[in-house]
Amino acid sequence: MRFLSVLLAGTLTAIALAPAALASPPDTADADTKAWWAITEALSSDAMEGRDTGSPGYDRAAQIVAERFKAAGLKPAGDGGGWFQQVAMDEIRIERATLRVGDRPLTFLHDVMVAPKAAMPTQLTADLAYRGYCDAAALGSVSGKIVICHGTRRAGLPGDSDREAAIRAAGGIGMLTIADPGFTVEPPRWPFAYARLVKLAGAAVDPDTFLRFTLNAAALGTVVGKGGQDAADLIAKGSRGDPLPSFDVTDPLDASFELAARRIQSPNVLGYLPGSDPAKAKQVIVLSAHLDGYGHGTSVKGDGLYNGTLDDAAYVALLIRLAEQRKGKGFARPILFAAFAGEEKGLLGGEYFVAHPPVPKEDLAGNINLDQLRPIFPLELLTVHAIDDTSLGADARSVATSLGIEAQRDPEPERNMLKRSEHWVFLKAGIPATGFIFGYRPGSKSEEIYRHWYKTGYHTPQDDPDQPIDWKAASDFNRFFYTLVDRVANKDSAPSWNPASGLKPKP
């Protein structure tokens, strides 16, 4: 929810890291930046209740987007000639959970997270086995047990899928992954807002009963107890990638879950700007951002409303601003403006759109997606997703260079950011696509600000309209986006794949 300033809500660390400008653009900001932020504030105000998929707050925000698209001269491109493409989804959620190891309780969403699934048991008693990094050779006898694994992402050690495959093969019934505090490029965040699984309506019900838990490293001592291993030492060694022991926990895990299921629905909001060149009429460029957020969730610092200002209300607002600037005047190619639902639940709105596009799928020539953008420090370096895979990468590099911004490949592929927003659903479908992240030099003040935001702002209630913003950086990116769209939508050739791309789907 909205706070007056970092001085009231933050810590001395936050004050030291914050840019000078707070809450609203200064008088010296340009008119476009002020207009952009006014829309951002409207979409992420408390009245929108965090825009959770399937909620009335999301519907209110979607109505605002539709009205702004209409006023900007776009044409509706949703179902039945309207603005909305309805996306039906099925949700399973854990309403309540009680977990303890022996007589030691674990607090759900704070100490431990459980990924819900239709086939999970509602009552469980199971032995626990700690097996370090959970490579197959270290597992030994784990049949019928839940296996505790250090969730390292270090090269040369098993990843999540490798750990799970080994545990399944050894007869384990679940995996309790310790969220690695040593993964400093994106530190674990606690608490979780809630535990939900959402899929597109009609998706096959998964009969798998294998359980996936995530454990707060600070709670490992509660799990292993006081009689044996030193939990703090295990966490320190695991974070460094040092050798780890294997042992069984004396007490079993007892757990009970209260599940609920429901059908929900939220719309993608779609607007169409016709092109001016008949020869390019079947080369539609999709501009996208996700409208949904987390909604109400577990309280953090007394605030339980996840406004989702930078993730991603600000960049739905940027789509609106571009449409308003055009006032119905088209580029050479048609533009399809898309505000997607269900991104935070697994890219669902984007997946549905690509499977049910409002124009023939073969007419979708490219996608420029806006997400993962944090204008909280100067924009000098820009990470461009799939920069070497399609012509959009070269376009983005050229535009960035012209504006004094250096473009780069993703320097942190271990975070898997490429697959964490809707550009990925277009790339999977064979459609050239790109997205962006504000970059920073290692060890710089910008990196310090970015890391701090991912620890305290990402997917928390503190991502609200009163957080610190670098207004020049925001304006610089907005200008980059406008210029890139103009280039891609007007150039002679449509977006294309580079021959050497490893992302292009095989025929």
Protein backbone atom coordinates (compact mmCIF):
# COMPACT_ATOMS: atom_id res chain seq x y z
CA MET A 1 0.00 0.00 0.00
CA ARG A 2 1.04 3.60 -0.34
CA PHE A 3 3.53 5.10 2.08
CA LEU A 4 4.37 8.78 2.34
CA SER A 5 8.07 8.26 1.91
CA VAL A 6 10.97 5.92 2.45
CA LEU A 7 11.78 7.93 5.58
CA LEU A 8 8.55 6.71 7.13
CA ALA A 9 8.53 3.15 5.85
CA GLY A 10 12.13 2.23 5.16
CA THR A 11 15.35 1.57 6.94
CA LEU A 12 18.61 3.47 6.91
CA THR A 13 19.77 1.11 4.20
CA ALA A 14 16.80 1.96 2.03
CA ILE A 15 17.40 5.67 2.57
CA ALA A 16 21.02 5.32 1.55
CA LEU A 17 20.11 3.46 -1.62
CA ALA A 18 17.14 5.55 -2.70
CA PRO A 19 17.37 8.00 -5.60
CA ALA A 20 16.50 11.58 -4.72
CA ALA A 21 13.02 11.62 -6.30
CA LEU A 22 10.05 10.01 -4.54
CA ALA A 23 6.33 9.43 -5.17
CA SER A 24 5.69 11.70 -8.15
CA PRO A 25 7.67 13.25 -11.01
CA PRO A 26 9.31 16.60 -10.22
CA ASP A 27 8.11 19.79 -11.87
CA THR A 28 11.09 19.61 -14.21
CA ALA A 29 9.96 16.25 -15.65
CA ASP A 30 8.62 16.28 -19.20
CA ALA A 31 4.88 16.14 -19.83
CA ASP A 32 4.98 12.59 -21.21
CA THR A 33 6.67 11.22 -18.07
CA LYS A 34 4.10 12.97 -15.88
CA ALA A 35 1.23 11.57 -17.94
CA TRP A 36 2.77 8.09 -17.87
CA TRP A 37 3.11 8.16 -14.10
CA ALA A 38 -0.44 9.43 -13.59
CA ILE A 39 -1.72 6.35 -15.45
CA THR A 40 0.65 4.15 -13.45
CA GLU A 41 -0.73 5.53 -10.20
CA ALA A 42 -4.30 4.93 -11.34
CA LEU A 43 -3.59 1.31 -12.31
CA SER A 44 -1.69 0.49 -9.12
CA SER A 45 -3.67 2.50 -6.59
CA ASP A 46 -5.16 0.75 -3.58
CA ALA A 47 -8.55 0.90 -5.33
CA MET A 48 -7.29 -1.72 -7.82
CA GLU A 49 -6.49 -4.06 -4.89
CA GLY A 50 -3.32 -5.34 -6.54
CA ARG A 51 -5.09 -6.54 -9.74
CA ASP A 52 -5.01 -10.23 -8.78
CA THR A 53 -6.11 -12.54 -11.58
CA GLY A 54 -9.80 -13.35 -11.20
CA SER A 55 -10.51 -10.43 -8.86
CA PRO A 56 -12.86 -7.42 -9.13
CA GLY A 57 -9.80 -5.19 -8.77
CA TYR A 58 -8.31 -6.68 -11.91
CA ASP A 59 -11.57 -6.10 -13.76
CA ARG A 60 -11.59 -2.44 -12.69
CA ALA A 61 -8.05 -2.00 -13.96
CA ALA A 62 -8.93 -3.76 -17.23
CA GLN A 63 -11.84 -1.37 -17.72
CA ILE A 64 -9.49 1.60 -17.29
CA VAL A 65 -7.13 0.18 -19.91
CA ALA A 66 -10.00 -0.43 -22.35
CA GLU A 67 -11.32 3.09 -21.89
CA ARG A 68 -7.88 4.59 -22.47
CA PHE A 69 -7.32 2.44 -25.56
CA LYS A 70 -10.68 3.59 -26.93
CA ALA A 71 -10.00 7.26 -26.21
CA ALA A 72 -6.59 6.92 -27.94
CA GLY A 73 -8.25 5.83 -31.18
CA LEU A 74 -7.45 2.11 -31.09
CA LYS A 75 -9.94 -0.44 -32.39
CA PRO A 76 -11.17 -3.23 -30.11
CA ALA A 77 -9.56 -6.59 -30.84
CA GLY A 78 -11.08 -8.82 -28.19
CA ASP A 79 -13.89 -11.35 -28.20
CA GLY A 80 -16.98 -10.48 -30.22
CA GLY A 81 -15.62 -7.14 -31.35
CA GLY A 82 -15.03 -5.92 -27.79
CA TRP A 83 -11.90 -4.95 -25.88
CA PHE A 84 -11.63 -8.09 -23.76
CA GLN A 85 -10.33 -11.54 -24.62
CA GLN A 86 -11.62 -13.63 -21.73
CA VAL A 87 -9.19 -16.16 -20.28
CA ALA A 88 -10.72 -18.88 -18.12
CA MET A 89 -8.45 -20.52 -15.56
CA ASP A 90 -8.65 -23.23 -12.91
CA GLU A 91 -7.13 -22.50 -9.52
CA ILE A 92 -6.12 -24.77 -6.65
CA ARG A 93 -5.06 -22.99 -3.50
CA ILE A 94 -3.93 -23.96 -0.02
CA GLU A 95 -6.29 -22.08 2.28
CA ARG A 96 -4.60 -23.22 5.49
CA ALA A 97 -1.68 -25.42 6.38
CA THR A 98 -0.28 -26.78 9.61
CA LEU A 99 3.22 -28.19 9.60
CA ARG A 100 5.51 -29.39 12.37
CA VAL A 101 8.58 -31.55 12.81
CA GLY A 102 8.23 -33.39 16.08
CA ASP A 103 6.98 -30.72 18.49
CA ARG A 104 8.54 -27.87 16.47
CA PRO A 105 5.99 -25.87 14.40
CA LEU A 106 6.78 -24.34 11.02
CA THR A 107 4.91 -21.20 9.97
CA PHE A 108 3.32 -21.64 6.54
CA LEU A 109 4.47 -19.06 3.92
CA HIS A 110 7.10 -17.70 6.35
CA ASP A 111 9.18 -20.79 7.18
CA VAL A 112 7.96 -23.13 4.48
CA MET A 113 6.08 -22.98 1.19
CA VAL A 114 4.25 -25.88 -0.43
CA ALA A 115 3.42 -25.89 -4.13
CA PRO A 116 -0.28 -26.91 -4.33
CA LYS A 117 -1.52 -29.59 -6.69
CA ALA A 118 -4.77 -31.46 -7.19
CA ALA A 119 -3.43 -34.85 -6.13
CA MET A 120 -1.55 -33.76 -3.01
CA PRO A 121 -2.53 -35.40 0.27
CA THR A 122 -4.42 -33.31 2.82
CA GLN A 123 -2.83 -35.24 5.73
CA LEU A 124 0.78 -36.36 5.78
CA THR A 125 3.31 -37.91 8.11
CA ALA A 126 6.69 -38.61 6.53
CA ASP A 127 10.27 -39.15 7.55
CA LEU A 128 12.83 -36.52 6.54
CA ALA A 129 16.27 -37.18 5.05
CA TYR A 130 18.90 -34.45 4.61
CA ARG A 131 21.06 -35.23 1.57
CA GLY A 132 23.14 -32.13 0.87
CA TYR A 133 22.90 -31.20 -2.80
CA CYS A 134 20.85 -34.35 -3.54
CA ASP A 135 22.96 -35.80 -6.32
CA ALA A 136 21.96 -39.38 -7.03
CA ALA A 137 25.09 -40.82 -5.40
CA ALA A 138 24.34 -39.13 -2.07
CA LEU A 139 20.72 -40.23 -1.69
CA GLY A 140 21.00 -43.76 -0.37
CA SER A 141 17.79 -45.06 1.20
CA VAL A 142 15.09 -42.40 0.85
CA SER A 143 12.09 -44.50 -0.23
CA GLY A 144 8.90 -43.03 1.23
CA LYS A 145 10.76 -40.02 2.61
CA ILE A 146 10.81 -36.30 1.94
CA VAL A 147 14.36 -35.33 1.04
CA ILE A 148 15.90 -32.04 2.17
CA CYS A 149 18.17 -30.49 -0.48
CA HIS A 150 20.26 -27.34 -0.56
CA GLY A 151 18.86 -25.35 -3.50
CA THR A 152 22.17 -24.25 -4.94
CA ARG A 153 22.46 -22.91 -8.47
CA ARG A 154 26.21 -23.35 -8.65
CA ALA A 155 27.74 -24.79 -11.80
CA GLY A 156 28.74 -28.41 -11.40
CA LEU A 157 26.10 -29.18 -8.75
CA PRO A 158 22.62 -30.59 -9.39
CA GLY A 159 19.87 -28.19 -10.41
CA ASP A 160 16.21 -28.42 -9.36
CA SER A 161 15.19 -30.82 -12.11
CA ASP A 162 18.24 -33.02 -11.52
CA ARG A 163 17.56 -33.20 -7.78
CA GLU A 164 13.91 -34.05 -8.28
CA ALA A 165 14.64 -36.72 -10.88
CA ALA A 166 17.15 -38.40 -8.57
CA ILE A 167 14.77 -38.34 -5.60
CA ARG A 168 11.90 -39.76 -7.63
CA ALA A 169 14.13 -42.53 -8.96
CA ALA A 170 15.16 -43.39 -5.39
CA GLY A 171 11.53 -43.63 -4.22
CA GLY A 172 11.30 -40.32 -2.37
CA ILE A 173 7.81 -38.82 -2.06
CA GLY A 174 8.81 -35.18 -1.96
CA MET A 175 11.61 -32.62 -1.99
CA LEU A 176 12.12 -29.86 0.57
CA THR A 177 14.43 -27.34 -1.10
CA ILE A 178 16.34 -24.90 1.09
CA ALA A 179 16.13 -21.47 -0.58
CA ASP A 180 19.80 -20.65 -1.01
CA PRO A 181 20.84 -17.38 0.69
CA GLY A 182 24.11 -17.68 -1.22
CA PHE A 183 22.30 -16.98 -4.49
CA THR A 184 22.94 -13.26 -4.14
CA VAL A 185 22.02 -12.29 -7.72
CA GLU A 186 18.39 -12.79 -6.69
CA PRO A 187 18.14 -13.47 -2.94
CA PRO A 188 15.28 -15.60 -1.61
CA ARG A 189 12.31 -13.54 -0.47
CA TRP A 190 10.06 -14.40 2.45
CA PRO A 191 7.21 -14.50 3.17
CA PHE A 192 5.34 -15.87 0.16
CA ALA A 193 2.13 -14.00 -0.62
CA TYR A 194 0.07 -17.21 -0.84
CA ALA A 195 0.12 -20.73 -2.27
CA ARG A 196 -1.85 -21.13 -5.50
CA LEU A 197 -1.62 -23.16 -8.68
CA VAL A 198 -3.43 -21.71 -11.69
CA LYS A 199 -3.73 -23.31 -15.12
CA LEU A 200 -5.71 -22.52 -18.22
CA ALA A 201 -9.20 -23.96 -17.94
CA GLY A 202 -9.50 -27.45 -19.32
CA ALA A 203 -5.85 -28.37 -18.80
CA ALA A 204 -5.37 -32.00 -17.86
CA VAL A 205 -5.45 -32.69 -14.12
CA ASP A 206 -2.02 -33.72 -12.91
CA PRO A 207 -2.29 -37.03 -10.98
CA ASP A 208 1.25 -36.73 -9.62
CA THR A 209 1.49 -36.81 -5.81
CA PHE A 210 5.17 -35.83 -5.51
CA LEU A 211 5.42 -32.86 -3.10
CA ARG A 212 7.58 -29.79 -3.59
CA PHE A 213 8.37 -27.71 -0.53
CA THR A 214 10.57 -24.62 -0.22
CA LEU A 215 12.25 -23.97 3.12
CA ASN A 216 13.43 -20.65 4.49
CA ALA A 217 17.09 -21.18 5.36
CA ALA A 218 16.46 -19.56 8.75
CA ALA A 219 14.06 -22.41 9.58
CA LEU A 220 16.46 -25.28 8.93
CA GLY A 221 17.30 -25.40 12.65
CA THR A 222 13.62 -25.96 13.40
CA VAL A 223 13.56 -28.87 10.99
CA VAL A 224 16.74 -30.69 12.09
CA GLY A 225 16.38 -29.97 15.80
CA LYS A 226 19.08 -29.34 18.38
CA GLY A 227 20.47 -32.81 18.90
CA GLY A 228 22.55 -33.25 15.79
CA GLN A 229 23.82 -31.13 12.95
CA ASP A 230 24.52 -27.39 13.19
CA ALA A 231 21.95 -25.81 10.85
CA ALA A 232 23.82 -22.52 10.51
CA ASP A 233 26.98 -24.40 9.50
CA LEU A 234 25.03 -26.42 6.92
CA ILE A 235 23.56 -23.25 5.40
CA ALA A 236 26.97 -21.55 5.26
CA LYS A 237 28.61 -24.55 3.61
CA GLY A 238 25.76 -25.02 1.15
CA SER A 239 25.86 -21.37 0.17
CA ARG A 240 29.58 -21.70 -0.61
CA GLY A 241 29.21 -25.01 -2.43
CA ASP A 242 31.30 -26.87 0.16
CA PRO A 243 30.84 -30.61 0.75
CA LEU A 244 27.74 -31.45 2.78
CA PRO A 245 26.87 -34.47 4.92
CA SER A 246 23.92 -36.85 4.63
CA PHE A 247 21.77 -37.74 7.63
CA ASP A 248 18.22 -38.60 8.61
CA VAL A 249 16.18 -36.23 10.78
CA THR A 250 15.06 -37.83 14.03
CA ASP A 251 11.49 -36.52 13.96
CA PRO A 252 9.00 -36.90 11.12
CA LEU A 253 7.16 -34.11 9.34
CA ASP A 254 3.45 -33.91 10.20
CA ALA A 255 1.38 -31.74 7.87
CA SER A 256 -2.24 -31.01 7.12
CA PHE A 257 -3.59 -28.91 4.25
CA GLU A 258 -6.96 -27.37 3.52
CA LEU A 259 -7.39 -27.09 -0.25
CA ALA A 260 -9.91 -25.15 -2.32
CA ALA A 261 -10.53 -25.16 -6.06
CA ARG A 262 -12.41 -22.72 -8.27
CA ARG A 263 -12.83 -21.56 -11.85
CA ILE A 264 -11.72 -17.95 -12.36
CA GLN A 265 -11.68 -15.63 -15.35
CA SER A 266 -9.80 -12.48 -16.30
CA PRO A 267 -9.51 -10.76 -19.66
CA ASN A 268 -6.58 -9.82 -21.81
CA VAL A 269 -7.23 -6.25 -22.99
CA LEU A 270 -6.56 -5.95 -26.72
CA GLY A 271 -6.47 -2.86 -28.95
CA TYR A 272 -5.56 -2.65 -32.63
CA LEU A 273 -3.91 0.16 -34.56
CA PRO A 274 -4.20 -0.50 -38.32
CA GLY A 275 -1.12 -0.01 -40.46
CA SER A 276 -0.76 2.48 -43.28
CA ASP A 277 1.05 0.23 -45.79
CA PRO A 278 -1.18 -2.41 -47.43
CA ALA A 279 1.90 -4.45 -48.31
CA LYS A 280 2.66 -4.84 -44.58
CA ALA A 281 -0.92 -5.50 -43.43
CA LYS A 282 -0.10 -9.10 -42.51
CA GLN A 283 2.97 -8.18 -40.45
CA VAL A 284 1.38 -7.37 -37.08
CA ILE A 285 3.66 -6.23 -34.25
CA VAL A 286 2.40 -7.13 -30.77
CA LEU A 287 3.29 -4.73 -27.95
CA SER A 288 2.64 -6.34 -24.59
CA ALA A 289 2.80 -5.92 -20.83
CA HIS A 290 0.99 -7.78 -18.07
CA LEU A 291 -1.83 -6.13 -16.17
CA ASP A 292 -2.19 -8.63 -13.33
CA GLY A 293 -0.45 -8.48 -9.98
CA TYR A 294 -0.52 -10.44 -6.72
CA GLY A 295 -3.48 -8.74 -5.03
CA HIS A 296 -3.92 -9.32 -1.30
CA GLY A 297 -1.39 -11.56 0.39
CA THR A 298 0.75 -12.16 3.45
CA SER A 299 1.47 -8.91 5.24
CA VAL A 300 4.98 -7.42 5.05
CA LYS A 301 5.76 -4.59 7.48
CA GLY A 302 2.08 -4.28 8.26
CA ASP A 303 1.01 -4.06 4.61
CA GLY A 304 -0.82 -6.90 2.88
CA LEU A 305 -1.68 -5.26 -0.45
CA TYR A 306 0.70 -6.02 -3.33
CA ASN A 307 0.13 -3.00 -5.60
CA GLY A 308 2.48 -4.14 -8.39
CA THR A 309 3.45 -0.64 -9.51
CA LEU A 310 6.64 -1.48 -11.42
CA ASP A 311 5.50 -5.06 -11.92
CA ASP A 312 3.83 -4.29 -14.22
CA ALA A 313 1.32 -1.40 -14.01
CA ALA A 314 3.93 1.13 -15.15
CA TYR A 315 4.45 -0.65 -18.45
CA VAL A 316 0.80 -1.20 -19.24
CA ALA A 317 0.70 2.57 -18.71
CA LEU A 318 3.50 2.93 -21.25
CA LEU A 319 1.47 1.02 -23.85
CA ILE A 320 -1.39 3.45 -23.20
CA ARG A 321 0.92 6.45 -23.57
CA LEU A 322 2.18 5.23 -26.94
CA ALA A 323 -1.39 4.75 -28.15
CA GLU A 324 -2.31 8.23 -26.92
CA GLN A 325 0.61 9.78 -28.74
CA ARG A 326 -0.44 8.16 -32.02
CA LYS A 327 -4.09 9.33 -31.70
CA GLY A 328 -5.18 6.68 -34.18
CA LYS A 329 -2.42 7.43 -36.70
CA GLY A 330 -0.87 4.15 -37.74
CA PHE A 331 2.67 3.05 -38.43
CA ALA A 332 3.41 1.19 -41.67
CA ARG A 333 2.72 -2.12 -39.90
CA PRO A 334 -0.34 -2.81 -37.76
CA ILE A 335 0.19 -2.73 -34.00
CA LEU A 336 -1.68 -4.96 -31.57
CA PHE A 337 -1.60 -3.57 -28.01
CA ALA A 338 -1.98 -6.37 -25.43
CA ALA A 339 -2.37 -6.07 -21.66
CA PHE A 340 -2.17 -9.66 -20.49
CA ALA A 341 -3.86 -11.43 -17.57
CA GLY A 342 -2.38 -14.26 -15.53
CA GLU A 343 1.31 -13.55 -16.07
CA GLU A 344 2.09 -13.94 -12.37
CA LYS A 345 0.31 -17.30 -12.43
CA GLY A 346 2.50 -18.71 -15.21
CA LEU A 347 2.32 -16.53 -18.36
CA LEU A 348 -1.25 -17.73 -18.85
CA GLY A 349 -2.72 -14.70 -20.61
CA GLY A 350 0.13 -14.69 -23.10
CA GLU A 351 -0.15 -18.43 -23.66
CA TYR A 352 -3.88 -18.10 -24.34
CA PHE A 353 -3.33 -15.15 -26.70
CA VAL A 354 -0.77 -17.00 -28.81
CA ALA A 355 -3.07 -20.02 -29.01
CA HIS A 356 -6.13 -17.84 -29.85
CA PRO A 357 -4.81 -14.70 -31.58
CA PRO A 358 -7.32 -12.14 -32.86
CA VAL A 359 -5.56 -12.18 -36.24
CA PRO A 360 -4.22 -15.25 -38.07
CA LYS A 361 -1.23 -16.57 -36.16
CA GLU A 362 0.95 -16.41 -39.26
CA ASP A 363 0.32 -12.65 -39.33
CA LEU A 364 2.03 -12.13 -35.95
CA ALA A 365 5.40 -10.82 -37.09
CA GLY A 366 6.99 -9.90 -33.78
CA ASN A 367 6.58 -9.04 -30.13
CA ILE A 368 8.11 -6.31 -27.96
CA ASN A 369 7.32 -7.10 -24.33
CA LEU A 370 7.56 -4.75 -21.35
CA ASP A 371 8.26 -6.35 -17.97
CA GLN A 372 11.20 -6.80 -15.57
CA LEU A 373 11.89 -3.05 -15.86
CA ARG A 374 13.07 -1.15 -12.79
CA PRO A 375 13.72 2.60 -13.40
CA ILE A 376 15.39 3.10 -10.03
CA PHE A 377 18.92 4.03 -11.17
CA PRO A 378 20.42 5.66 -14.28
CA LEU A 379 19.80 3.89 -17.58
CA GLU A 380 23.28 3.47 -19.04
CA LEU A 381 23.17 -0.25 -19.81
CA LEU A 382 20.24 -2.30 -21.09
CA THR A 383 19.97 -6.09 -21.13
CA VAL A 384 18.10 -7.18 -24.27
CA HIS A 385 16.48 -10.62 -24.23
CA ALA A 386 17.27 -12.82 -27.24
CA ILE A 387 19.56 -10.08 -28.53
CA ASP A 388 21.43 -12.50 -30.82
CA ASP A 389 18.42 -14.52 -31.92
CA THR A 390 16.24 -12.19 -33.99
CA SER A 391 16.47 -8.92 -35.88
CA LEU A 392 14.73 -7.26 -32.93
CA GLY A 393 17.98 -7.60 -30.98
CA ALA A 394 19.87 -5.62 -33.60
CA ASP A 395 17.06 -3.05 -33.72
CA ALA A 396 17.18 -2.63 -29.94
CA ARG A 397 20.97 -2.31 -29.96
CA SER A 398 20.87 0.31 -32.71
CA VAL A 399 18.21 2.39 -30.95
CA ALA A 400 19.94 2.11 -27.58
CA THR A 401 23.27 3.21 -29.06
CA SER A 402 21.64 6.23 -30.68
CA LEU A 403 20.40 7.28 -27.24
CA GLY A 404 23.71 6.77 -25.47
CA ILE A 405 22.69 3.45 -23.89
CA GLU A 406 24.81 0.31 -24.20
CA ALA A 407 22.95 -2.92 -25.01
CA GLN A 408 24.16 -6.27 -23.68
CA ARG A 409 23.35 -9.97 -23.50
CA ASP A 410 21.89 -11.27 -20.25
CA PRO A 411 24.87 -11.42 -17.85
CA GLU A 412 22.93 -13.61 -15.36
CA PRO A 413 21.39 -16.50 -17.34
CA GLU A 414 21.17 -18.55 -14.14
CA ARG A 415 18.18 -16.39 -13.13
CA ASN A 416 16.28 -17.67 -16.18
CA MET A 417 14.77 -14.22 -16.82
CA LEU A 418 14.30 -15.00 -20.51
CA LYS A 419 11.54 -17.49 -19.65
CA ARG A 420 9.86 -15.44 -16.93
CA SER A 421 7.70 -13.09 -19.01
CA GLU A 422 5.51 -13.12 -22.11
CA HIS A 423 8.20 -12.59 -24.72
CA TRP A 424 8.96 -16.26 -24.00
CA VAL A 425 5.56 -17.53 -25.16
CA PHE A 426 6.06 -15.74 -28.48
CA LEU A 427 9.58 -17.12 -28.91
CA LYS A 428 8.35 -20.64 -28.16
CA ALA A 429 5.71 -20.19 -30.86
CA GLY A 430 8.35 -19.22 -33.43
CA ILE A 431 7.53 -15.49 -33.34
CA PRO A 432 10.52 -13.11 -32.98
CA ALA A 433 10.30 -11.37 -29.61
CA THR A 434 12.32 -9.38 -27.12
CA GLY A 435 12.16 -7.76 -23.69
CA PHE A 436 14.48 -5.71 -21.49
CA ILE A 437 16.12 -5.35 -18.07
CA PHE A 438 17.90 -2.28 -16.71
CA GLY A 439 21.57 -3.26 -16.55
CA TYR A 440 24.35 -2.23 -14.18
CA ARG A 441 28.11 -2.56 -13.82
CA PRO A 442 29.27 -5.14 -11.28
CA GLY A 443 30.03 -3.48 -7.95
CA SER A 444 28.35 -0.21 -8.91
CA LYS A 445 25.83 1.83 -6.94
CA SER A 446 23.26 0.86 -9.57
CA GLU A 447 23.81 -2.82 -8.82
CA GLU A 448 23.45 -2.11 -5.11
CA ILE A 449 20.10 -0.38 -5.70
CA TYR A 450 18.90 -3.17 -7.99
CA ARG A 451 19.83 -5.96 -5.58
CA HIS A 452 18.16 -4.10 -2.72
CA TRP A 453 14.94 -3.75 -4.75
CA TYR A 454 14.85 -7.46 -5.54
CA LYS A 455 15.27 -8.22 -1.86
CA THR A 456 12.70 -5.73 -0.53
CA GLY A 457 10.46 -4.64 -3.42
CA TYR A 458 10.00 -7.50 -5.89
CA HIS A 459 6.64 -9.25 -5.35
CA THR A 460 6.12 -7.42 -2.06
CA PRO A 461 3.65 -4.73 -0.95
CA GLN A 462 6.52 -2.24 -1.12
CA ASP A 463 6.26 -2.18 -4.94
CA ASP A 464 3.77 0.66 -4.67
CA PRO A 465 3.36 4.15 -6.19
CA ASP A 466 5.41 5.85 -3.46
CA GLN A 467 8.66 3.97 -3.94
CA PRO A 468 11.81 5.75 -5.11
CA ILE A 469 12.01 6.29 -8.88
CA ASP A 470 14.83 7.67 -11.02
CA TRP A 471 12.68 9.92 -13.21
CA LYS A 472 15.34 10.54 -15.82
CA ALA A 473 15.92 6.80 -16.18
CA ALA A 474 12.18 6.26 -16.53
CA SER A 475 11.98 8.94 -19.22
CA ASP A 476 15.05 7.56 -21.00
CA PHE A 477 13.55 4.08 -21.23
CA ASN A 478 10.19 5.39 -22.40
CA ARG A 479 11.96 7.29 -25.18
CA PHE A 480 13.88 4.13 -26.09
CA PHE A 481 10.62 2.20 -26.34
CA TYR A 482 8.87 4.80 -28.51
CA THR A 483 11.88 4.95 -30.84
CA LEU A 484 12.20 1.17 -31.07
CA VAL A 485 8.53 0.71 -31.94
CA ASP A 486 8.80 3.38 -34.62
CA ARG A 487 11.82 1.62 -36.11
CA VAL A 488 10.35 -1.90 -36.05
CA ALA A 489 6.91 -0.86 -37.26
CA ASN A 490 8.17 1.25 -40.16
CA LYS A 491 11.33 -0.44 -41.48
CA ASP A 492 11.32 -2.18 -44.84
CA SER A 493 11.72 -5.71 -43.49
CA ALA A 494 9.61 -7.48 -40.89
CA PRO A 495 11.22 -8.99 -37.77
CA SER A 496 13.07 -12.20 -38.59
CA TRP A 497 15.05 -14.97 -36.93
CA ASN A 498 18.81 -15.03 -37.15
CA PRO A 499 20.00 -18.25 -38.84
CA ALA A 500 22.25 -19.23 -35.94
CA SER A 501 19.60 -18.81 -33.23
CA GLY A 502 19.31 -21.64 -30.77
CA LEU A 503 15.87 -20.46 -29.64
CA LYS A 504 14.01 -20.80 -32.92
CA PRO A 505 11.73 -23.83 -32.70
CA LYS A 506 12.61 -26.70 -34.98
CA PRO A 507 10.15 -27.25 -37.89
